[in-house]
Amino acid sequence: MIPLKDTKAEEYAQHIQQLVNQLKKTSKKAIAENEAYLVPPEVAKEKYGGRVGETFYCFPDDAPSQEIIDAYERVKPYYGTGEDAVSFEMHLSHRQMTVMFVDGDLVIRKDRELHIDRLTENNLRDRIQYAKDNYNIDWNEAKIFIFPYKTTYFYISDSFEVTLGGGRSDLRNPYNWFTIPFTEDFDYSEIRRQCREFAKSRPLEEDDYTSATIKVDLSKLMDEEPVKQPEPTKNKGCMLLLGLILIPSLLLLLI
């Protein structure tokens, strides 16, 4: 995580880092300690919209105060509005660990192990086999999600995955994804044809991609003054002027 220039906000961020590190431990002692915060699957589904393959941990009354959230908004090193804005929850989230604030509680969701990849025939075949062997999803609802613009991406899941889009709002928008039911028996040429038709019928907005990437405000990360560029020297100008004067004179001498 990018350090925050506010003591309280950064202290809370480090607190989250410690919890994530604890939840990632696989020793018997750590697993036993983490079970105290484990949310039963039926409760997670009802209260947090939990899905197959997701694990939820609840830390009661441990969500940040409004003062800390406001501090983050003042010093956050990102800029953007609407869908492009980076919330405190997004800033605190780690790979495969999504942070949520729910009714004063801190909830950390251990996400499903899903992967996004570039669409090629070999990648699709490999990812299908990998998904069958490793994914914990509802196979009755499984689909192949394809982003058919420029660099074409795809992933396999039983529902749309916002977290796989990272900071890009174009990837986080389900409207931009073409889907087909999960199948091992596919016609790659037909999939490509359908992707082209989909992209043609639903062109991205001109600024959809360029405004989608999370941008970092570097001025908030550096204390130093910007380095001033040296002013152009006057010597080159003087030499040019001298040349313009001498050349006509030399030509007159040659006549």
Protein backbone atom coordinates (compact mmCIF):
# COMPACT_ATOMS: atom_id res chain seq x y z
CA MET A 1 0.00 0.00 0.00
CA ILE A 2 1.10 3.56 -0.64
CA PRO A 3 1.85 5.23 2.74
CA LEU A 4 -0.69 7.83 3.83
CA LYS A 5 0.44 11.25 5.03
CA ASP A 6 -1.78 11.18 8.08
CA THR A 7 -0.71 9.45 11.28
CA LYS A 8 -4.10 8.01 12.25
CA ALA A 9 -5.03 6.85 8.74
CA GLU A 10 -1.62 5.21 8.26
CA GLU A 11 -1.79 3.54 11.69
CA TYR A 12 -5.13 2.00 10.73
CA ALA A 13 -3.68 0.86 7.40
CA GLN A 14 -0.82 -0.87 9.24
CA HIS A 15 -3.39 -2.48 11.56
CA ILE A 16 -5.12 -3.95 8.49
CA GLN A 17 -1.77 -5.16 7.19
CA GLN A 18 -1.16 -7.06 10.43
CA LEU A 19 -4.61 -8.69 10.27
CA VAL A 20 -4.11 -9.73 6.64
CA ASN A 21 -0.73 -11.24 7.49
CA GLN A 22 -2.36 -13.16 10.35
CA LEU A 23 -5.17 -14.48 8.13
CA LYS A 24 -2.65 -15.69 5.54
CA LYS A 25 -0.76 -17.86 8.03
CA THR A 26 -1.26 -21.60 7.64
CA SER A 27 0.10 -22.97 10.90
CA LYS A 28 -2.27 -24.88 13.18
CA LYS A 29 -1.93 -22.20 15.84
CA ALA A 30 -2.78 -19.39 13.39
CA ILE A 31 -5.73 -21.27 11.91
CA ALA A 32 -7.12 -21.86 15.40
CA GLU A 33 -6.73 -18.17 16.26
CA ASN A 34 -8.40 -17.08 13.03
CA GLU A 35 -11.41 -19.33 13.60
CA ALA A 36 -12.53 -16.95 16.36
CA TYR A 37 -13.35 -14.41 13.63
CA LEU A 38 -14.64 -16.83 10.99
CA VAL A 39 -18.19 -16.13 9.78
CA PRO A 40 -20.38 -19.23 9.15
CA PRO A 41 -21.14 -19.65 5.42
CA GLU A 42 -24.91 -19.26 5.85
CA VAL A 43 -24.44 -16.01 7.81
CA ALA A 44 -21.89 -14.72 5.28
CA LYS A 45 -24.31 -15.42 2.43
CA GLU A 46 -27.19 -13.63 4.11
CA LYS A 47 -25.32 -10.69 5.62
CA TYR A 48 -22.45 -10.07 3.19
CA GLY A 49 -23.62 -11.68 -0.04
CA GLY A 50 -21.03 -14.44 0.34
CA ARG A 51 -20.57 -16.85 -2.53
CA VAL A 52 -19.14 -20.33 -2.98
CA GLY A 53 -15.39 -20.27 -2.38
CA GLU A 54 -15.32 -17.04 -0.35
CA THR A 55 -14.35 -16.93 3.33
CA PHE A 56 -15.35 -14.08 5.63
CA TYR A 57 -13.75 -12.88 8.87
CA CYS A 58 -15.52 -10.34 11.06
CA PHE A 59 -13.75 -8.12 13.59
CA PRO A 60 -16.53 -6.52 15.67
CA ASP A 61 -16.46 -2.74 16.20
CA ASP A 62 -13.11 -2.52 14.38
CA ALA A 63 -14.18 -0.42 11.39
CA PRO A 64 -12.40 2.96 11.25
CA SER A 65 -13.99 6.02 12.79
CA GLN A 66 -15.39 8.72 10.54
CA GLU A 67 -12.44 10.87 11.60
CA ILE A 68 -10.00 8.33 10.13
CA ILE A 69 -12.05 7.96 6.94
CA ASP A 70 -12.13 11.75 6.52
CA ALA A 71 -8.38 11.87 7.09
CA TYR A 72 -7.86 9.35 4.30
CA GLU A 73 -9.99 11.45 1.95
CA ARG A 74 -7.78 14.46 2.68
CA VAL A 75 -4.45 12.74 2.06
CA LYS A 76 -5.24 9.89 -0.34
CA PRO A 77 -2.60 9.66 -3.10
CA TYR A 78 -5.14 8.98 -5.84
CA TYR A 79 -7.45 11.22 -7.79
CA GLY A 80 -10.66 10.35 -9.57
CA THR A 81 -14.40 10.65 -9.11
CA GLY A 82 -17.36 8.32 -9.32
CA GLU A 83 -16.37 4.81 -10.39
CA ASP A 84 -12.73 5.85 -10.66
CA ALA A 85 -12.51 7.00 -7.04
CA VAL A 86 -10.44 4.81 -4.71
CA SER A 87 -12.30 4.33 -1.44
CA PHE A 88 -10.57 3.67 1.88
CA GLU A 89 -11.77 0.06 1.64
CA MET A 90 -10.16 -0.32 -1.79
CA HIS A 91 -6.92 1.25 -0.57
CA LEU A 92 -6.75 -1.18 2.37
CA SER A 93 -7.60 -4.28 0.34
CA HIS A 94 -4.84 -6.71 -0.61
CA ARG A 95 -4.58 -9.34 -3.32
CA GLN A 96 -7.23 -11.98 -2.54
CA MET A 97 -8.20 -10.06 0.63
CA THR A 98 -11.02 -7.53 0.27
CA VAL A 99 -11.69 -5.09 3.11
CA MET A 100 -15.25 -4.00 3.95
CA PHE A 101 -16.79 -1.77 6.61
CA VAL A 102 -20.22 -3.08 7.62
CA ASP A 103 -22.27 -1.49 10.43
CA GLY A 104 -19.21 -0.54 12.46
CA ASP A 105 -17.55 -3.94 11.97
CA LEU A 106 -14.43 -4.64 9.97
CA VAL A 107 -14.99 -7.52 7.54
CA ILE A 108 -12.17 -9.09 5.54
CA ARG A 109 -13.18 -11.38 2.72
CA LYS A 110 -10.74 -13.99 1.47
CA ASP A 111 -11.59 -13.98 -2.21
CA ARG A 112 -11.88 -16.93 -4.53
CA GLU A 113 -8.76 -17.96 -6.43
CA LEU A 114 -9.77 -16.85 -9.91
CA HIS A 115 -7.55 -15.62 -12.72
CA ILE A 116 -7.91 -13.21 -15.62
CA ASP A 117 -5.91 -13.97 -18.75
CA ARG A 118 -5.44 -12.86 -22.37
CA LEU A 119 -7.75 -14.64 -24.76
CA THR A 120 -5.99 -17.13 -27.02
CA GLU A 121 -7.13 -20.62 -27.92
CA ASN A 122 -4.35 -22.22 -25.89
CA ASN A 123 -4.95 -19.96 -22.88
CA LEU A 124 -8.65 -20.73 -22.95
CA ARG A 125 -8.09 -24.50 -23.05
CA ASP A 126 -5.47 -24.31 -20.29
CA ARG A 127 -7.62 -22.09 -18.06
CA ILE A 128 -10.68 -24.34 -18.48
CA GLN A 129 -8.68 -27.34 -17.31
CA TYR A 130 -7.16 -25.34 -14.45
CA ALA A 131 -10.60 -24.09 -13.40
CA LYS A 132 -12.02 -27.62 -13.33
CA ASP A 133 -9.17 -28.78 -11.11
CA ASN A 134 -8.89 -25.78 -8.77
CA TYR A 135 -11.88 -23.41 -8.79
CA ASN A 136 -14.48 -23.54 -6.06
CA ILE A 137 -17.53 -22.07 -7.79
CA ASP A 138 -21.10 -23.06 -8.67
CA TRP A 139 -20.54 -24.97 -11.90
CA ASN A 140 -24.24 -24.95 -12.73
CA GLU A 141 -23.97 -21.16 -13.12
CA ALA A 142 -20.44 -21.00 -14.55
CA LYS A 143 -19.75 -18.74 -17.55
CA ILE A 144 -16.78 -17.59 -19.60
CA PHE A 145 -16.53 -13.80 -19.30
CA ILE A 146 -14.73 -12.07 -22.19
CA PHE A 147 -13.65 -8.42 -22.49
CA PRO A 148 -13.55 -8.08 -26.31
CA TYR A 149 -11.77 -4.73 -26.72
CA LYS A 150 -8.15 -4.15 -27.78
CA THR A 151 -6.26 -6.58 -25.54
CA THR A 152 -8.94 -9.25 -25.09
CA TYR A 153 -9.20 -10.69 -21.57
CA PHE A 154 -11.27 -13.53 -20.16
CA TYR A 155 -11.96 -15.39 -16.91
CA ILE A 156 -14.23 -18.19 -15.71
CA SER A 157 -16.67 -17.75 -12.84
CA ASP A 158 -20.28 -18.28 -11.77
CA SER A 159 -20.85 -14.50 -11.49
CA PHE A 160 -19.29 -11.21 -12.50
CA GLU A 161 -16.07 -10.46 -10.58
CA VAL A 162 -15.53 -6.77 -9.87
CA THR A 163 -12.27 -7.35 -8.01
CA LEU A 164 -10.57 -8.85 -11.08
CA GLY A 165 -10.87 -5.48 -12.78
CA GLY A 166 -8.51 -3.86 -10.31
CA GLY A 167 -8.43 -0.10 -10.71
CA ARG A 168 -9.79 -0.03 -14.26
CA SER A 169 -13.40 1.06 -14.41
CA ASP A 170 -13.82 -0.34 -17.94
CA LEU A 171 -13.00 -3.82 -16.61
CA ARG A 172 -15.21 -3.30 -13.55
CA ASN A 173 -18.24 -2.56 -15.74
CA PRO A 174 -20.23 -5.76 -16.45
CA TYR A 175 -21.82 -4.09 -19.51
CA ASN A 176 -18.45 -4.33 -21.27
CA TRP A 177 -18.15 -8.13 -20.93
CA PHE A 178 -19.42 -10.69 -23.42
CA THR A 179 -20.41 -14.00 -21.76
CA ILE A 180 -21.00 -17.54 -22.94
CA PRO A 181 -22.05 -20.56 -20.84
CA PHE A 182 -19.09 -22.56 -19.56
CA THR A 183 -18.19 -25.33 -21.97
CA GLU A 184 -15.18 -27.49 -22.76
CA ASP A 185 -16.36 -28.03 -26.33
CA PHE A 186 -15.98 -24.60 -27.90
CA ASP A 187 -15.40 -23.21 -31.39
CA TYR A 188 -12.64 -20.62 -30.98
CA SER A 189 -13.26 -19.00 -34.38
CA GLU A 190 -16.94 -18.58 -33.54
CA ILE A 191 -16.10 -17.06 -30.15
CA ARG A 192 -13.79 -14.54 -31.84
CA ARG A 193 -16.49 -13.68 -34.38
CA GLN A 194 -19.05 -13.10 -31.64
CA CYS A 195 -16.56 -10.96 -29.72
CA ARG A 196 -16.02 -8.73 -32.77
CA GLU A 197 -19.77 -8.31 -33.21
CA PHE A 198 -20.21 -7.54 -29.51
CA ALA A 199 -17.44 -4.91 -29.53
CA LYS A 200 -18.85 -3.34 -32.69
CA SER A 201 -22.37 -3.12 -31.24
CA ARG A 202 -21.16 -1.77 -27.88
CA PRO A 203 -18.15 0.50 -28.47
CA LEU A 204 -16.38 1.78 -25.39
CA GLU A 205 -16.78 5.43 -24.54
CA GLU A 206 -13.81 7.47 -25.80
CA ASP A 207 -12.61 8.25 -22.30
CA ASP A 208 -13.69 4.94 -20.73
CA TYR A 209 -10.24 3.41 -20.79
CA THR A 210 -8.09 6.50 -20.32
CA SER A 211 -10.01 7.60 -17.26
CA ALA A 212 -10.28 4.10 -15.89
CA THR A 213 -6.77 3.44 -14.65
CA ILE A 214 -6.11 4.49 -11.07
CA LYS A 215 -3.78 7.46 -11.24
CA VAL A 216 -1.43 8.43 -8.45
CA ASP A 217 -1.02 12.07 -7.49
CA LEU A 218 2.77 12.18 -7.30
CA SER A 219 2.77 15.62 -5.71
CA LYS A 220 1.40 14.04 -2.54
CA LEU A 221 4.17 11.45 -2.47
CA MET A 222 7.16 13.80 -2.72
CA ASP A 223 8.29 16.44 -0.27
CA GLU A 224 10.98 17.81 -2.55
CA GLU A 225 10.49 20.86 -4.71
CA PRO A 226 10.16 20.07 -8.41
CA VAL A 227 13.49 20.17 -10.14
CA LYS A 228 13.70 23.30 -12.28
CA GLN A 229 14.79 22.75 -15.83
CA PRO A 230 17.80 24.87 -16.79
CA GLU A 231 16.97 27.83 -18.98
CA PRO A 232 18.28 27.66 -22.54
CA THR A 233 21.65 29.37 -22.83
CA LYS A 234 21.98 32.46 -24.97
CA ASN A 235 25.20 31.27 -26.64
CA LYS A 236 23.34 29.34 -29.35
CA GLY A 237 21.30 32.40 -30.21
CA CYS A 238 24.41 34.59 -30.40
CA MET A 239 26.22 32.13 -32.66
CA LEU A 240 23.22 31.97 -34.97
CA LEU A 241 23.04 35.77 -35.20
CA LEU A 242 26.77 35.99 -35.90
CA GLY A 243 26.43 33.41 -38.65
CA LEU A 244 23.61 35.37 -40.30
CA ILE A 245 25.82 38.47 -40.34
CA LEU A 246 29.02 36.83 -41.65
CA ILE A 247 27.51 34.69 -44.42
CA PRO A 248 26.30 37.63 -46.60
CA SER A 249 29.69 39.32 -46.14
CA LEU A 250 31.56 36.23 -47.33
CA LEU A 251 29.30 35.95 -50.36
CA LEU A 252 30.09 39.55 -51.34
CA LEU A 253 33.81 38.78 -51.19
CA LEU A 254 33.37 35.86 -53.54
CA ILE A 255 31.52 37.86 -56.21
